[in-house]
Amino acid sequence: MSLLLLGLLIFILAHLGTTIGAPVRRRITASTGEVIWKIVIALILIGSVWLMIQGYRESPVDTLWAAPDWMRYAVVALMLPTLILYMGSYPGSALRARMRHPQLTGFALWAFLHLIMNGELRAVVLFGGLLVWVVVQIALLNRRDSAKPMPAAHPSPLRAWAAIPIGIVVWVALLLAHPWLFGVSPLA
């Protein structure tokens, strides 16, 4: 469980650090450049995800609750709008023109759905921790960016609404790959 907690802590601090630590980021990027900053943060985040995965695998399976069988299908169905939201953060997206943080909102829904479906202590730590982080992150970003106008949607409907077909493709791909990637079928 310690690797899981360490990875979660690093992931959260790296993300919050880019939000809260804007003055520090500006000083660092002034001397190193934006590209170096992004590479370092990306490497830190990759390492933190690796720690979370390893920590999750090595943590004991202490069951706190068992979700009813019907919930599995509800969660699978709700993952479709979740992934569409997640994909809708690109510039020109109609979703981004209508809500401040579609990607983070999608991430919050993903964490919540996985939290209610997985009643193991390790899952509560992982998905609950990520859910708390994303709620705090959205609040901090809303406070910082509330005066900024919402971006305009791209004039082309194809570009503005591309998150829908992309989200559907990702949803189908994850349904098919989930057993191979994570060892659990969402449908079985």
C-alpha atoms as a PDB file:
ATOM      1  CA  MET A   1       0.000   0.000   0.000  1.00  0.00           C
ATOM      2  CA  SER A   2       2.964   2.327   0.579  1.00  0.00           C
ATOM      3  CA  LEU A   3       3.873   2.418  -3.133  1.00  0.00           C
ATOM      4  CA  LEU A   4       0.250   3.182  -3.990  1.00  0.00           C
ATOM      5  CA  LEU A   5       0.149   6.038  -1.488  1.00  0.00           C
ATOM      6  CA  LEU A   6       3.520   7.384  -2.648  1.00  0.00           C
ATOM      7  CA  GLY A   7       2.463   7.319  -6.298  1.00  0.00           C
ATOM      8  CA  LEU A   8      -0.858   8.981  -5.471  1.00  0.00           C
ATOM      9  CA  LEU A   9       0.884  11.679  -3.432  1.00  0.00           C
ATOM     10  CA  ILE A  10       3.410  12.423  -6.195  1.00  0.00           C
ATOM     11  CA  PHE A  11       0.651  12.506  -8.835  1.00  0.00           C
ATOM     12  CA  ILE A  12      -1.469  14.902  -6.777  1.00  0.00           C
ATOM     13  CA  LEU A  13       1.435  17.169  -5.818  1.00  0.00           C
ATOM     14  CA  ALA A  14       2.691  17.354  -9.414  1.00  0.00           C
ATOM     15  CA  HIS A  15      -0.749  18.413 -10.639  1.00  0.00           C
ATOM     16  CA  LEU A  16      -1.506  20.783  -7.784  1.00  0.00           C
ATOM     17  CA  GLY A  17       1.997  22.179  -8.032  1.00  0.00           C
ATOM     18  CA  THR A  18       1.347  23.334 -11.573  1.00  0.00           C
ATOM     19  CA  THR A  19      -1.844  25.051 -10.396  1.00  0.00           C
ATOM     20  CA  ILE A  20      -0.869  26.440  -7.006  1.00  0.00           C
ATOM     21  CA  GLY A  21       2.822  26.825  -7.752  1.00  0.00           C
ATOM     22  CA  ALA A  22       2.452  29.078 -10.791  1.00  0.00           C
ATOM     23  CA  PRO A  23       5.099  31.559  -9.535  1.00  0.00           C
ATOM     24  CA  VAL A  24       7.599  28.733  -9.043  1.00  0.00           C
ATOM     25  CA  ARG A  25       6.758  27.357 -12.477  1.00  0.00           C
ATOM     26  CA  ARG A  26       7.329  30.767 -14.078  1.00  0.00           C
ATOM     27  CA  ARG A  27      10.758  31.062 -12.425  1.00  0.00           C
ATOM     28  CA  ILE A  28      11.786  27.567 -13.503  1.00  0.00           C
ATOM     29  CA  THR A  29      10.516  27.925 -17.065  1.00  0.00           C
ATOM     30  CA  ALA A  30      12.231  31.314 -17.361  1.00  0.00           C
ATOM     31  CA  SER A  31      15.583  29.618 -16.852  1.00  0.00           C
ATOM     32  CA  THR A  32      14.986  26.180 -18.392  1.00  0.00           C
ATOM     33  CA  GLY A  33      12.224  26.777 -20.916  1.00  0.00           C
ATOM     34  CA  GLU A  34       8.662  25.482 -21.129  1.00  0.00           C
ATOM     35  CA  VAL A  35       9.618  22.296 -22.976  1.00  0.00           C
ATOM     36  CA  ILE A  36      12.040  21.147 -20.256  1.00  0.00           C
ATOM     37  CA  TRP A  37       9.414  21.871 -17.586  1.00  0.00           C
ATOM     38  CA  LYS A  38       6.812  19.803 -19.435  1.00  0.00           C
ATOM     39  CA  ILE A  39       9.235  16.917 -19.980  1.00  0.00           C
ATOM     40  CA  VAL A  40      10.186  16.823 -16.287  1.00  0.00           C
ATOM     41  CA  ILE A  41       6.538  16.987 -15.150  1.00  0.00           C
ATOM     42  CA  ALA A  42       5.585  14.281 -17.684  1.00  0.00           C
ATOM     43  CA  LEU A  43       8.352  12.007 -16.389  1.00  0.00           C
ATOM     44  CA  ILE A  44       7.279  12.630 -12.785  1.00  0.00           C
ATOM     45  CA  LEU A  45       3.668  11.801 -13.697  1.00  0.00           C
ATOM     46  CA  ILE A  46       4.668   8.643 -15.579  1.00  0.00           C
ATOM     47  CA  GLY A  47       6.676   7.558 -12.546  1.00  0.00           C
ATOM     48  CA  SER A  48       3.773   8.291 -10.215  1.00  0.00           C
ATOM     49  CA  VAL A  49       1.363   6.263 -12.360  1.00  0.00           C
ATOM     50  CA  TRP A  50       3.851   3.383 -12.381  1.00  0.00           C
ATOM     51  CA  LEU A  51       4.061   3.585  -8.568  1.00  0.00           C
ATOM     52  CA  MET A  52       0.253   3.598  -8.296  1.00  0.00           C
ATOM     53  CA  ILE A  53      -0.063   0.552 -10.571  1.00  0.00           C
ATOM     54  CA  GLN A  54       2.668  -1.378  -8.748  1.00  0.00           C
ATOM     55  CA  GLY A  55       1.305  -0.335  -5.377  1.00  0.00           C
ATOM     56  CA  TYR A  56      -2.222  -1.364  -6.364  1.00  0.00           C
ATOM     57  CA  ARG A  57      -1.011  -4.775  -7.550  1.00  0.00           C
ATOM     58  CA  GLU A  58       1.011  -5.354  -4.384  1.00  0.00           C
ATOM     59  CA  SER A  59      -1.667  -4.146  -1.939  1.00  0.00           C
ATOM     60  CA  PRO A  60      -3.787  -6.713  -0.145  1.00  0.00           C
ATOM     61  CA  VAL A  61      -7.301  -7.297  -1.428  1.00  0.00           C
ATOM     62  CA  ASP A  62      -9.335  -6.191   1.608  1.00  0.00           C
ATOM     63  CA  THR A  63     -12.979  -6.113   0.508  1.00  0.00           C
ATOM     64  CA  LEU A  64     -15.106  -3.398   2.106  1.00  0.00           C
ATOM     65  CA  TRP A  65     -18.234  -3.912  -0.034  1.00  0.00           C
ATOM     66  CA  ALA A  66     -19.393  -5.781  -3.101  1.00  0.00           C
ATOM     67  CA  ALA A  67     -21.240  -3.871  -5.793  1.00  0.00           C
ATOM     68  CA  PRO A  68     -24.436  -5.503  -7.039  1.00  0.00           C
ATOM     69  CA  ASP A  69     -24.153  -7.259 -10.415  1.00  0.00           C
ATOM     70  CA  TRP A  70     -26.474  -4.807 -12.190  1.00  0.00           C
ATOM     71  CA  MET A  71     -24.163  -1.919 -11.295  1.00  0.00           C
ATOM     72  CA  ARG A  72     -21.487  -3.261 -13.623  1.00  0.00           C
ATOM     73  CA  TYR A  73     -23.694  -2.555 -16.648  1.00  0.00           C
ATOM     74  CA  ALA A  74     -24.699   0.875 -15.357  1.00  0.00           C
ATOM     75  CA  VAL A  75     -21.038   1.787 -14.881  1.00  0.00           C
ATOM     76  CA  VAL A  76     -20.144   0.521 -18.368  1.00  0.00           C
ATOM     77  CA  ALA A  77     -22.955   2.628 -19.848  1.00  0.00           C
ATOM     78  CA  LEU A  78     -21.985   5.721 -17.831  1.00  0.00           C
ATOM     79  CA  MET A  79     -18.379   5.399 -18.966  1.00  0.00           C
ATOM     80  CA  LEU A  80     -19.459   6.439 -22.478  1.00  0.00           C
ATOM     81  CA  PRO A  81     -20.446  10.025 -21.537  1.00  0.00           C
ATOM     82  CA  THR A  82     -17.486  10.071 -19.163  1.00  0.00           C
ATOM     83  CA  LEU A  83     -15.068   9.390 -22.022  1.00  0.00           C
ATOM     84  CA  ILE A  84     -16.828  11.846 -24.315  1.00  0.00           C
ATOM     85  CA  LEU A  85     -16.376  14.522 -21.641  1.00  0.00           C
ATOM     86  CA  TYR A  86     -12.740  13.531 -21.179  1.00  0.00           C
ATOM     87  CA  MET A  87     -12.092  13.809 -24.913  1.00  0.00           C
ATOM     88  CA  GLY A  88     -13.853  17.177 -25.135  1.00  0.00           C
ATOM     89  CA  SER A  89     -11.106  19.414 -23.808  1.00  0.00           C
ATOM     90  CA  TYR A  90      -9.321  20.156 -27.088  1.00  0.00           C
ATOM     91  CA  PRO A  91      -9.320  23.732 -28.452  1.00  0.00           C
ATOM     92  CA  GLY A  92     -12.474  24.391 -30.440  1.00  0.00           C
ATOM     93  CA  SER A  93     -14.498  21.681 -28.706  1.00  0.00           C
ATOM     94  CA  ALA A  94     -18.187  22.478 -28.248  1.00  0.00           C
ATOM     95  CA  LEU A  95     -17.984  20.839 -24.815  1.00  0.00           C
ATOM     96  CA  ARG A  96     -15.111  23.100 -23.795  1.00  0.00           C
ATOM     97  CA  ALA A  97     -17.128  26.110 -25.003  1.00  0.00           C
ATOM     98  CA  ARG A  98     -19.976  25.095 -22.661  1.00  0.00           C
ATOM     99  CA  MET A  99     -18.156  23.950 -19.538  1.00  0.00           C
ATOM    100  CA  ARG A 100     -14.887  24.971 -17.936  1.00  0.00           C
ATOM    101  CA  HIS A 101     -13.199  21.617 -17.414  1.00  0.00           C
ATOM    102  CA  PRO A 102     -14.663  18.760 -19.469  1.00  0.00           C
ATOM    103  CA  GLN A 103     -11.532  16.612 -19.159  1.00  0.00           C
ATOM    104  CA  LEU A 104     -11.325  16.982 -15.380  1.00  0.00           C
ATOM    105  CA  THR A 105     -15.077  16.445 -15.084  1.00  0.00           C
ATOM    106  CA  GLY A 106     -14.725  13.259 -17.113  1.00  0.00           C
ATOM    107  CA  PHE A 107     -11.814  12.200 -14.905  1.00  0.00           C
ATOM    108  CA  ALA A 108     -13.922  12.852 -11.784  1.00  0.00           C
ATOM    109  CA  LEU A 109     -16.741  10.713 -13.163  1.00  0.00           C
ATOM    110  CA  TRP A 110     -14.260   7.974 -14.084  1.00  0.00           C
ATOM    111  CA  ALA A 111     -12.838   7.968 -10.553  1.00  0.00           C
ATOM    112  CA  PHE A 112     -16.310   8.006  -8.973  1.00  0.00           C
ATOM    113  CA  LEU A 113     -17.603   5.155 -11.150  1.00  0.00           C
ATOM    114  CA  HIS A 114     -14.533   3.044 -10.409  1.00  0.00           C
ATOM    115  CA  LEU A 115     -14.814   3.879  -6.709  1.00  0.00           C
ATOM    116  CA  ILE A 116     -18.414   2.679  -6.384  1.00  0.00           C
ATOM    117  CA  MET A 117     -17.739  -0.423  -8.473  1.00  0.00           C
ATOM    118  CA  ASN A 118     -14.580  -1.553  -6.643  1.00  0.00           C
ATOM    119  CA  GLY A 119     -15.156  -2.049  -2.950  1.00  0.00           C
ATOM    120  CA  GLU A 120     -11.600  -2.988  -2.020  1.00  0.00           C
ATOM    121  CA  LEU A 121      -9.536  -0.836   0.326  1.00  0.00           C
ATOM    122  CA  ARG A 122      -6.828  -0.375  -2.303  1.00  0.00           C
ATOM    123  CA  ALA A 123      -9.452   0.825  -4.810  1.00  0.00           C
ATOM    124  CA  VAL A 124     -10.916   3.242  -2.265  1.00  0.00           C
ATOM    125  CA  VAL A 125      -7.444   4.671  -1.672  1.00  0.00           C
ATOM    126  CA  LEU A 126      -6.663   4.946  -5.397  1.00  0.00           C
ATOM    127  CA  PHE A 127      -9.961   6.106  -6.872  1.00  0.00           C
ATOM    128  CA  GLY A 128     -11.059   8.010  -3.770  1.00  0.00           C
ATOM    129  CA  GLY A 129      -7.725   9.829  -3.651  1.00  0.00           C
ATOM    130  CA  LEU A 130      -7.921  10.702  -7.341  1.00  0.00           C
ATOM    131  CA  LEU A 131     -11.525  11.873  -6.926  1.00  0.00           C
ATOM    132  CA  VAL A 132     -10.591  14.165  -4.041  1.00  0.00           C
ATOM    133  CA  TRP A 133      -7.669  15.536  -6.069  1.00  0.00           C
ATOM    134  CA  VAL A 134      -9.760  16.277  -9.154  1.00  0.00           C
ATOM    135  CA  VAL A 135     -12.490  18.033  -7.140  1.00  0.00           C
ATOM    136  CA  VAL A 136      -9.853  20.218  -5.455  1.00  0.00           C
ATOM    137  CA  GLN A 137      -8.137  20.820  -8.819  1.00  0.00           C
ATOM    138  CA  ILE A 138     -11.403  21.942 -10.443  1.00  0.00           C
ATOM    139  CA  ALA A 139     -12.138  24.271  -7.520  1.00  0.00           C
ATOM    140  CA  LEU A 140      -8.655  25.811  -7.706  1.00  0.00           C
ATOM    141  CA  LEU A 141      -8.853  26.248 -11.470  1.00  0.00           C
ATOM    142  CA  ASN A 142     -12.341  27.761 -11.254  1.00  0.00           C
ATOM    143  CA  ARG A 143     -11.105  30.247  -8.672  1.00  0.00           C
ATOM    144  CA  ARG A 144      -8.115  31.124 -10.826  1.00  0.00           C
ATOM    145  CA  ASP A 145      -9.929  31.251 -14.181  1.00  0.00           C
ATOM    146  CA  SER A 146     -13.443  32.411 -13.276  1.00  0.00           C
ATOM    147  CA  ALA A 147     -12.981  35.821 -14.891  1.00  0.00           C
ATOM    148  CA  LYS A 148     -11.718  34.356 -18.175  1.00  0.00           C
ATOM    149  CA  PRO A 149     -14.320  34.027 -20.939  1.00  0.00           C
ATOM    150  CA  MET A 150     -15.205  30.566 -22.177  1.00  0.00           C
ATOM    151  CA  PRO A 151     -13.449  29.676 -25.444  1.00  0.00           C
ATOM    152  CA  ALA A 152     -15.512  29.641 -28.619  1.00  0.00           C
ATOM    153  CA  ALA A 153     -16.417  26.406 -30.332  1.00  0.00           C
ATOM    154  CA  HIS A 154     -14.889  25.730 -33.725  1.00  0.00           C
ATOM    155  CA  PRO A 155     -17.212  26.859 -36.533  1.00  0.00           C
ATOM    156  CA  SER A 156     -17.033  23.414 -38.142  1.00  0.00           C
ATOM    157  CA  PRO A 157     -19.517  21.048 -36.417  1.00  0.00           C
ATOM    158  CA  LEU A 158     -17.230  18.152 -37.289  1.00  0.00           C
ATOM    159  CA  ARG A 159     -14.347  19.712 -35.345  1.00  0.00           C
ATOM    160  CA  ALA A 160     -16.562  21.115 -32.575  1.00  0.00           C
ATOM    161  CA  TRP A 161     -18.218  17.779 -31.815  1.00  0.00           C
ATOM    162  CA  ALA A 162     -15.313  15.405 -32.580  1.00  0.00           C
ATOM    163  CA  ALA A 163     -15.246  14.377 -28.911  1.00  0.00           C
ATOM    164  CA  ILE A 164     -18.362  12.262 -29.441  1.00  0.00           C
ATOM    165  CA  PRO A 165     -17.038   9.824 -32.068  1.00  0.00           C
ATOM    166  CA  ILE A 166     -13.590   9.833 -30.445  1.00  0.00           C
ATOM    167  CA  GLY A 167     -15.162   9.064 -27.056  1.00  0.00           C
ATOM    168  CA  ILE A 168     -17.186   6.221 -28.575  1.00  0.00           C
ATOM    169  CA  VAL A 169     -14.082   4.707 -30.195  1.00  0.00           C
ATOM    170  CA  VAL A 170     -12.104   4.976 -26.942  1.00  0.00           C
ATOM    171  CA  TRP A 171     -15.046   3.483 -24.990  1.00  0.00           C
ATOM    172  CA  VAL A 172     -15.236   0.453 -27.316  1.00  0.00           C
ATOM    173  CA  ALA A 173     -11.430   0.063 -27.294  1.00  0.00           C
ATOM    174  CA  LEU A 174     -11.328   0.154 -23.487  1.00  0.00           C
ATOM    175  CA  LEU A 175     -14.175  -2.362 -23.229  1.00  0.00           C
ATOM    176  CA  LEU A 176     -12.235  -4.742 -25.443  1.00  0.00           C
ATOM    177  CA  ALA A 177      -8.791  -4.063 -23.933  1.00  0.00           C
ATOM    178  CA  HIS A 178      -9.808  -3.791 -20.257  1.00  0.00           C
ATOM    179  CA  PRO A 179      -9.307  -7.531 -19.510  1.00  0.00           C
ATOM    180  CA  TRP A 180      -5.881  -7.480 -21.159  1.00  0.00           C
ATOM    181  CA  LEU A 181      -4.780  -4.150 -19.638  1.00  0.00           C
ATOM    182  CA  PHE A 182      -6.190  -4.539 -16.127  1.00  0.00           C
ATOM    183  CA  GLY A 183      -7.057  -8.203 -15.751  1.00  0.00           C
ATOM    184  CA  VAL A 184     -10.781  -7.543 -15.250  1.00  0.00           C
ATOM    185  CA  SER A 185     -13.573  -7.590 -17.785  1.00  0.00           C
ATOM    186  CA  PRO A 186     -16.082  -4.782 -17.273  1.00  0.00           C
ATOM    187  CA  LEU A 187     -18.824  -7.020 -18.659  1.00  0.00           C
ATOM    188  CA  ALA A 188     -18.145 -10.287 -16.802  1.00  0.00           C
END
